[in-house]
Amino acid sequence: MGFGISLLFILTIFSPVVSSRSLDHQKSVTVEVNKIGIRGIKNVLTKISYDEACKLRELLIRLDEALSAGNLRAVRKYESEINGLGIFGDSYQKIPVPMAISSTAVEDDNISNTLCYFHAAGRGTIYFTFTLKLVEMIKQAVKNATSLIGALAVIIAMIAIFAPIIILTYIVPFRMAMPVGMVRVENGSVSSFGTRGYKKVEVKENETFDVNISWFTGITINIPFGKSNESGNFLFVSGFALSVEEGNL
């Protein structure tokens, strides 16, 4: 239990994640977009009004519903409206969609798929590669420690060594392509469409659903609403992955 809390603390403070920059009384919101491709990850930050952020959230929810329904015409309509809010920088951003989208998603408790299109929307967070690797290293080091004090010493030492690298990874706008990542959705939907069919999981309020994604290319959009907003940290993900597997850290 104590070790799990320590890991969560590490991720919250040091992780290069799409995470909340929240204010209790927001007049504006800084939306974070990550364009993930074979050349790396381009990060775009755009400050918009609170009302525009609420509009963006509704458009992303409708976009996610259009993707699930296989309605390409609606997808392009919402794509155009979202681009109109100027969150993608200077260029027009097309929303990744599969070559053929279906309206016959199978409700499944296991979202795992291969060679697939993946999309998710709702309250959530995405963790990038280096943080996951650091957690794995800490887990292994702690497993080999002979006492709780020794385990804590290992955690503190590894944070001291790797924190500067993580911070630089977060600051630099272009990161290495994402071979491994994790999407955590606490309230929303997650879908995959690939060699194992079209699967969809609805994540209810007060539930947490984790998906490990490998070799992902696409976009992520984060709207960091304040704690006073019931939406919390709203996340939208759309793109292609070599594989997605239900799991956690």
Protein backbone atom coordinates (compact mmCIF):
# COMPACT_ATOMS: atom_id res chain seq x y z
CA MET A 1 0.00 0.00 0.00
CA GLY A 2 2.76 2.46 1.04
CA PHE A 3 4.75 1.66 -2.09
CA GLY A 4 1.72 2.28 -4.34
CA ILE A 5 1.15 5.67 -2.72
CA SER A 6 4.84 6.53 -3.23
CA LEU A 7 4.61 5.67 -6.93
CA LEU A 8 1.46 7.76 -7.34
CA PHE A 9 3.25 10.66 -5.64
CA ILE A 10 6.19 10.31 -8.04
CA LEU A 11 3.94 10.27 -11.10
CA THR A 12 1.95 13.26 -9.90
CA ILE A 13 5.02 15.45 -9.33
CA PHE A 14 7.53 14.37 -11.96
CA SER A 15 5.65 12.65 -14.79
CA PRO A 16 5.67 14.22 -18.28
CA VAL A 17 1.96 13.60 -18.55
CA VAL A 18 -0.99 15.34 -20.03
CA SER A 19 -2.16 16.59 -16.65
CA SER A 20 -4.14 19.33 -14.93
CA ARG A 21 -2.87 22.86 -14.54
CA SER A 22 -6.01 23.67 -12.60
CA LEU A 23 -7.39 26.76 -10.91
CA ASP A 24 -10.32 26.74 -8.53
CA HIS A 25 -11.86 29.82 -10.16
CA GLN A 26 -10.91 29.72 -13.81
CA LYS A 27 -11.25 32.60 -16.20
CA SER A 28 -9.08 30.85 -18.77
CA VAL A 29 -7.76 27.36 -19.49
CA THR A 30 -4.49 26.33 -21.13
CA VAL A 31 -5.35 23.48 -23.48
CA GLU A 32 -2.53 21.03 -24.19
CA VAL A 33 -2.31 19.20 -27.51
CA ASN A 34 0.26 16.53 -28.34
CA LYS A 35 0.76 15.56 -31.98
CA ILE A 36 2.50 12.20 -31.86
CA GLY A 37 4.18 10.89 -35.02
CA ILE A 38 7.19 9.01 -36.30
CA ARG A 39 9.29 12.19 -36.06
CA GLY A 40 8.46 12.76 -32.42
CA ILE A 41 5.88 14.53 -30.29
CA LYS A 42 5.00 18.16 -30.90
CA ASN A 43 3.45 19.90 -27.92
CA VAL A 44 1.08 22.86 -28.47
CA LEU A 45 -0.24 24.96 -25.56
CA THR A 46 -3.14 27.35 -26.21
CA LYS A 47 -4.80 29.65 -23.70
CA ILE A 48 -8.55 29.99 -24.27
CA SER A 49 -11.45 31.33 -22.22
CA TYR A 50 -13.31 29.10 -19.79
CA ASP A 51 -16.44 29.24 -21.98
CA GLU A 52 -14.41 28.19 -25.02
CA ALA A 53 -12.94 25.31 -23.00
CA CYS A 54 -16.44 24.13 -22.10
CA LYS A 55 -17.42 24.33 -25.77
CA LEU A 56 -14.30 22.36 -26.74
CA ARG A 57 -15.15 19.64 -24.22
CA GLU A 58 -18.67 19.28 -25.67
CA LEU A 59 -17.29 19.15 -29.22
CA LEU A 60 -14.81 16.43 -28.21
CA ILE A 61 -17.59 14.39 -26.59
CA ARG A 62 -19.67 14.67 -29.78
CA LEU A 63 -16.61 13.83 -31.86
CA ASP A 64 -16.01 10.71 -29.77
CA GLU A 65 -19.66 9.70 -30.24
CA ALA A 66 -19.38 10.26 -34.01
CA LEU A 67 -16.25 8.09 -34.12
CA SER A 68 -18.05 5.34 -32.19
CA ALA A 69 -21.06 5.57 -34.51
CA GLY A 70 -18.91 5.44 -37.64
CA ASN A 71 -20.31 8.77 -38.84
CA LEU A 72 -17.43 10.21 -40.89
CA ARG A 73 -19.47 13.23 -41.99
CA ALA A 74 -20.08 14.23 -38.36
CA VAL A 75 -16.41 13.56 -37.53
CA ARG A 76 -15.29 16.06 -40.17
CA LYS A 77 -17.90 18.60 -39.01
CA TYR A 78 -16.69 18.54 -35.40
CA GLU A 79 -13.08 18.43 -36.58
CA SER A 80 -13.66 21.73 -38.42
CA GLU A 81 -15.31 23.36 -35.40
CA ILE A 82 -12.49 22.24 -33.10
CA ASN A 83 -9.88 23.62 -35.50
CA GLY A 84 -11.80 26.89 -35.40
CA LEU A 85 -10.87 27.27 -31.73
CA GLY A 86 -7.19 27.51 -32.72
CA ILE A 87 -5.82 24.82 -30.39
CA PHE A 88 -3.65 23.08 -33.01
CA GLY A 89 -1.31 25.95 -33.79
CA ASP A 90 -0.87 27.36 -37.29
CA SER A 91 -1.90 24.26 -39.28
CA TYR A 92 -5.24 22.53 -39.80
CA GLN A 93 -5.32 19.25 -37.86
CA LYS A 94 -7.24 16.27 -39.22
CA ILE A 95 -8.56 13.88 -36.61
CA PRO A 96 -7.12 10.38 -37.18
CA VAL A 97 -9.80 7.88 -38.20
CA PRO A 98 -9.53 4.29 -39.48
CA MET A 99 -9.96 3.61 -43.20
CA ALA A 100 -13.27 1.94 -42.37
CA ILE A 101 -15.22 2.75 -39.24
CA SER A 102 -18.12 0.69 -38.03
CA SER A 103 -21.18 1.38 -35.91
CA THR A 104 -21.20 -2.19 -34.56
CA ALA A 105 -18.89 -1.89 -31.58
CA VAL A 106 -18.99 -4.83 -29.18
CA GLU A 107 -19.32 -3.86 -25.51
CA ASP A 108 -16.39 -5.68 -23.92
CA ASP A 109 -14.70 -5.58 -20.54
CA ASN A 110 -11.33 -6.11 -22.27
CA ILE A 111 -10.25 -3.42 -24.75
CA SER A 112 -7.10 -5.31 -25.85
CA ASN A 113 -6.42 -5.23 -29.59
CA THR A 114 -3.60 -5.26 -32.16
CA LEU A 115 -2.85 -3.22 -35.30
CA CYS A 116 -5.69 -0.99 -34.26
CA TYR A 117 -7.28 2.41 -34.22
CA PHE A 118 -7.72 3.68 -30.66
CA HIS A 119 -9.77 6.52 -29.24
CA ALA A 120 -10.81 7.61 -25.76
CA ALA A 121 -12.63 10.56 -24.21
CA GLY A 122 -13.48 11.53 -20.65
CA ARG A 123 -11.85 12.48 -17.40
CA GLY A 124 -8.37 11.07 -17.58
CA THR A 125 -4.61 11.27 -18.01
CA ILE A 126 -1.98 9.93 -20.41
CA TYR A 127 1.48 8.94 -19.18
CA PHE A 128 4.43 9.02 -21.56
CA THR A 129 7.20 6.48 -22.03
CA PHE A 130 9.99 7.61 -19.73
CA THR A 131 7.83 7.78 -16.62
CA LEU A 132 6.60 4.21 -17.15
CA LYS A 133 10.18 2.98 -17.54
CA LEU A 134 11.20 4.83 -14.37
CA VAL A 135 8.38 3.20 -12.42
CA GLU A 136 9.45 -0.24 -13.67
CA MET A 137 13.03 0.45 -12.57
CA ILE A 138 11.89 1.64 -9.14
CA LYS A 139 9.67 -1.43 -8.71
CA GLN A 140 12.58 -3.73 -9.49
CA ALA A 141 15.00 -1.84 -7.24
CA VAL A 142 12.55 -1.81 -4.32
CA LYS A 143 11.89 -5.53 -4.78
CA ASN A 144 15.60 -6.13 -4.24
CA ALA A 145 15.77 -3.85 -1.17
CA THR A 146 16.12 -5.59 2.19
CA SER A 147 14.03 -3.14 4.26
CA LEU A 148 11.46 -0.35 4.02
CA ILE A 149 14.12 2.24 4.81
CA GLY A 150 16.30 0.79 2.06
CA ALA A 151 13.38 0.91 -0.38
CA LEU A 152 12.69 4.58 0.44
CA ALA A 153 16.39 5.37 0.01
CA VAL A 154 16.29 3.76 -3.46
CA ILE A 155 13.22 5.79 -4.46
CA ILE A 156 14.78 9.07 -3.29
CA ALA A 157 18.07 8.31 -5.03
CA MET A 158 16.39 7.44 -8.35
CA ILE A 159 14.23 10.57 -8.22
CA ALA A 160 17.36 12.67 -7.68
CA ILE A 161 19.08 11.01 -10.66
CA PHE A 162 16.22 11.00 -13.14
CA ALA A 163 14.14 14.08 -12.20
CA PRO A 164 16.23 16.48 -14.37
CA ILE A 165 15.80 14.17 -17.37
CA ILE A 166 12.04 13.96 -16.83
CA ILE A 167 11.74 17.73 -16.46
CA LEU A 168 13.72 18.29 -19.68
CA THR A 169 11.55 15.72 -21.43
CA TYR A 170 8.50 17.72 -20.39
CA ILE A 171 9.90 21.12 -21.37
CA VAL A 172 11.26 20.20 -24.82
CA PRO A 173 8.40 20.52 -27.36
CA PHE A 174 9.62 17.58 -29.49
CA ARG A 175 10.01 14.27 -27.68
CA MET A 176 10.92 10.83 -28.94
CA ALA A 177 8.05 8.91 -30.56
CA MET A 178 5.94 7.07 -28.03
CA PRO A 179 6.69 3.32 -28.12
CA VAL A 180 4.97 2.83 -24.76
CA GLY A 181 2.39 4.85 -22.89
CA MET A 182 -0.63 4.49 -20.67
CA VAL A 183 -4.08 6.07 -20.87
CA ARG A 184 -6.07 6.25 -17.64
CA VAL A 185 -9.79 7.07 -17.93
CA GLU A 186 -11.85 7.65 -14.80
CA ASN A 187 -15.16 8.55 -16.42
CA GLY A 188 -15.80 8.26 -20.16
CA SER A 189 -15.32 5.75 -22.97
CA VAL A 190 -12.46 3.80 -24.55
CA SER A 191 -12.60 2.09 -27.95
CA SER A 192 -10.31 0.03 -30.19
CA PHE A 193 -10.84 -1.19 -33.75
CA GLY A 194 -8.34 -3.73 -35.05
CA THR A 195 -7.57 -7.36 -35.77
CA ARG A 196 -9.64 -8.49 -32.77
CA GLY A 197 -12.71 -6.52 -33.85
CA TYR A 198 -14.28 -3.31 -32.65
CA LYS A 199 -14.39 -3.10 -28.86
CA LYS A 200 -15.73 -0.41 -26.57
CA VAL A 201 -15.67 0.05 -22.79
CA GLU A 202 -17.84 2.60 -20.98
CA VAL A 203 -16.08 3.76 -17.82
CA LYS A 204 -18.58 4.84 -15.19
CA GLU A 205 -18.26 7.51 -12.52
CA ASN A 206 -15.84 6.59 -9.71
CA GLU A 207 -14.27 3.83 -11.85
CA THR A 208 -10.73 3.75 -13.25
CA PHE A 209 -9.74 2.02 -16.48
CA ASP A 210 -6.09 1.76 -17.61
CA VAL A 211 -4.89 0.94 -21.12
CA ASN A 212 -1.26 0.37 -22.11
CA ILE A 213 -0.59 1.51 -25.68
CA SER A 214 2.42 0.52 -27.80
CA TRP A 215 3.83 2.44 -30.79
CA PHE A 216 1.07 5.03 -30.83
CA THR A 217 0.75 7.81 -33.40
CA GLY A 218 -2.06 10.35 -33.30
CA ILE A 219 -3.20 13.24 -31.14
CA THR A 220 -4.07 13.87 -27.51
CA ILE A 221 -6.05 16.88 -26.30
CA ASN A 222 -6.16 17.83 -22.63
CA ILE A 223 -8.47 20.39 -21.02
CA PRO A 224 -7.29 20.99 -17.43
CA PHE A 225 -10.45 22.20 -15.72
CA GLY A 226 -10.18 23.28 -12.09
CA LYS A 227 -11.16 21.14 -9.12
CA SER A 228 -14.47 22.98 -8.83
CA ASN A 229 -15.51 21.67 -12.27
CA GLU A 230 -17.05 18.19 -12.25
CA SER A 231 -15.30 17.35 -15.53
CA GLY A 232 -11.91 17.48 -13.85
CA ASN A 233 -9.06 16.87 -16.27
CA PHE A 234 -10.75 16.13 -19.61
CA LEU A 235 -8.75 14.02 -22.08
CA PHE A 236 -9.33 13.09 -25.73
CA VAL A 237 -7.12 10.60 -27.59
CA SER A 238 -7.32 9.48 -31.24
CA GLY A 239 -4.78 7.54 -33.27
CA PHE A 240 -3.26 4.24 -34.30
CA ALA A 241 -1.33 1.72 -32.21
CA LEU A 242 0.57 -1.49 -32.77
CA SER A 243 -1.25 -2.85 -29.74
CA VAL A 244 -3.41 -1.81 -26.81
CA GLU A 245 -3.70 -3.89 -23.66
CA GLU A 246 -5.83 -3.43 -20.62
CA GLY A 247 -3.55 -3.05 -17.62
CA ASN A 248 -1.94 -0.66 -15.19
CA LEU A 249 1.43 0.52 -13.88
